[in-house]
C-alpha atoms as a PDB file:
ATOM      1  CA  UNK A   1       4.752  11.748  -6.794  1.00  0.00           C
ATOM      2  CA  UNK A   2       4.399  13.085  -3.305  1.00  0.00           C
ATOM      3  CA  UNK A   3       1.357  14.494  -1.550  1.00  0.00           C
ATOM      4  CA  UNK A   4       0.797  16.971   1.274  1.00  0.00           C
ATOM      5  CA  UNK A   5       0.073  13.958   3.523  1.00  0.00           C
ATOM      6  CA  UNK A   6       3.089  11.798   2.750  1.00  0.00           C
ATOM      7  CA  UNK A   7       5.994  10.872   0.545  1.00  0.00           C
ATOM      8  CA  UNK A   8       4.292   8.225  -1.565  1.00  0.00           C
ATOM      9  CA  UNK A   9       1.145   7.937  -3.619  1.00  0.00           C
ATOM     10  CA  UNK A  10      -0.090   4.823  -5.403  1.00  0.00           C
ATOM     11  CA  UNK A  11      -3.171   4.225  -7.466  1.00  0.00           C
ATOM     12  CA  UNK A  12      -4.709   1.157  -9.034  1.00  0.00           C
ATOM     13  CA  UNK A  13      -7.215   1.086 -11.841  1.00  0.00           C
ATOM     14  CA  UNK A  14      -9.022  -2.075 -12.795  1.00  0.00           C
ATOM     15  CA  UNK A  15     -12.340  -3.135 -14.195  1.00  0.00           C
ATOM     16  CA  UNK A  16     -14.483  -5.225 -11.849  1.00  0.00           C
ATOM     17  CA  UNK A  17     -18.134  -5.900 -11.013  1.00  0.00           C
ATOM     18  CA  UNK A  18     -19.618  -2.926  -9.146  1.00  0.00           C
ATOM     19  CA  UNK A  19     -20.887  -5.067  -6.270  1.00  0.00           C
ATOM     20  CA  UNK A  20     -17.341  -6.375  -5.645  1.00  0.00           C
ATOM     21  CA  UNK A  21     -15.485  -3.062  -6.021  1.00  0.00           C
ATOM     22  CA  UNK A  22     -15.327  -2.111  -2.327  1.00  0.00           C
ATOM     23  CA  UNK A  23     -14.273  -5.607  -1.254  1.00  0.00           C
ATOM     24  CA  UNK A  24     -11.549  -5.698  -3.913  1.00  0.00           C
ATOM     25  CA  UNK A  25     -10.371  -2.194  -2.972  1.00  0.00           C
ATOM     26  CA  UNK A  26     -10.034  -3.197   0.692  1.00  0.00           C
ATOM     27  CA  UNK A  27      -8.143  -6.389  -0.143  1.00  0.00           C
ATOM     28  CA  UNK A  28      -5.738  -4.568  -2.477  1.00  0.00           C
ATOM     29  CA  UNK A  29      -5.111  -1.875   0.126  1.00  0.00           C
ATOM     30  CA  UNK A  30      -4.548  -4.464   2.860  1.00  0.00           C
ATOM     31  CA  UNK A  31      -2.093  -6.455   0.730  1.00  0.00           C
ATOM     32  CA  UNK A  32      -0.238  -3.362  -0.448  1.00  0.00           C
ATOM     33  CA  UNK A  33       0.134  -1.941   3.060  1.00  0.00           C
ATOM     34  CA  UNK A  34       1.317  -5.297   4.445  1.00  0.00           C
ATOM     35  CA  UNK A  35       3.987  -5.520   1.738  1.00  0.00           C
ATOM     36  CA  UNK A  36       4.968  -1.875   2.213  1.00  0.00           C
ATOM     37  CA  UNK A  37       5.251  -2.270   5.996  1.00  0.00           C
ATOM     38  CA  UNK A  38       7.318  -5.457   5.673  1.00  0.00           C
ATOM     39  CA  UNK A  39       9.728  -3.677   3.315  1.00  0.00           C
ATOM     40  CA  UNK A  40       9.909  -0.592   5.542  1.00  0.00           C
ATOM     41  CA  UNK A  41      10.628  -2.779   8.562  1.00  0.00           C
ATOM     42  CA  UNK A  42      13.314  -4.682   6.638  1.00  0.00           C
ATOM     43  CA  UNK A  43      14.897  -1.431   5.464  1.00  0.00           C
ATOM     44  CA  UNK A  44      14.962   0.056   8.957  1.00  0.00           C
ATOM     45  CA  UNK A  45      16.386  -3.189  10.377  1.00  0.00           C
ATOM     46  CA  UNK A  46      19.087  -3.265   7.698  1.00  0.00           C
ATOM     47  CA  UNK A  47      19.961   0.345   8.521  1.00  0.00           C
ATOM     48  CA  UNK A  48      20.064  -0.388  12.270  1.00  0.00           C
ATOM     49  CA  UNK A  49      17.099   1.870  13.032  1.00  0.00           C
ATOM     50  CA  UNK A  50      15.013  -0.602  15.043  1.00  0.00           C
END
């Protein structure tokens, strides 16, 4: 669904050790955003919007 801040919302739920939760959250967010940005860049390049 959409949010008042943007067009896309994603959530992940997984079981992990409490002391590793923040580190895992940051790594997942970093990886997701890198993949999202690469796809957005590819899409805008394909559409001639660079």
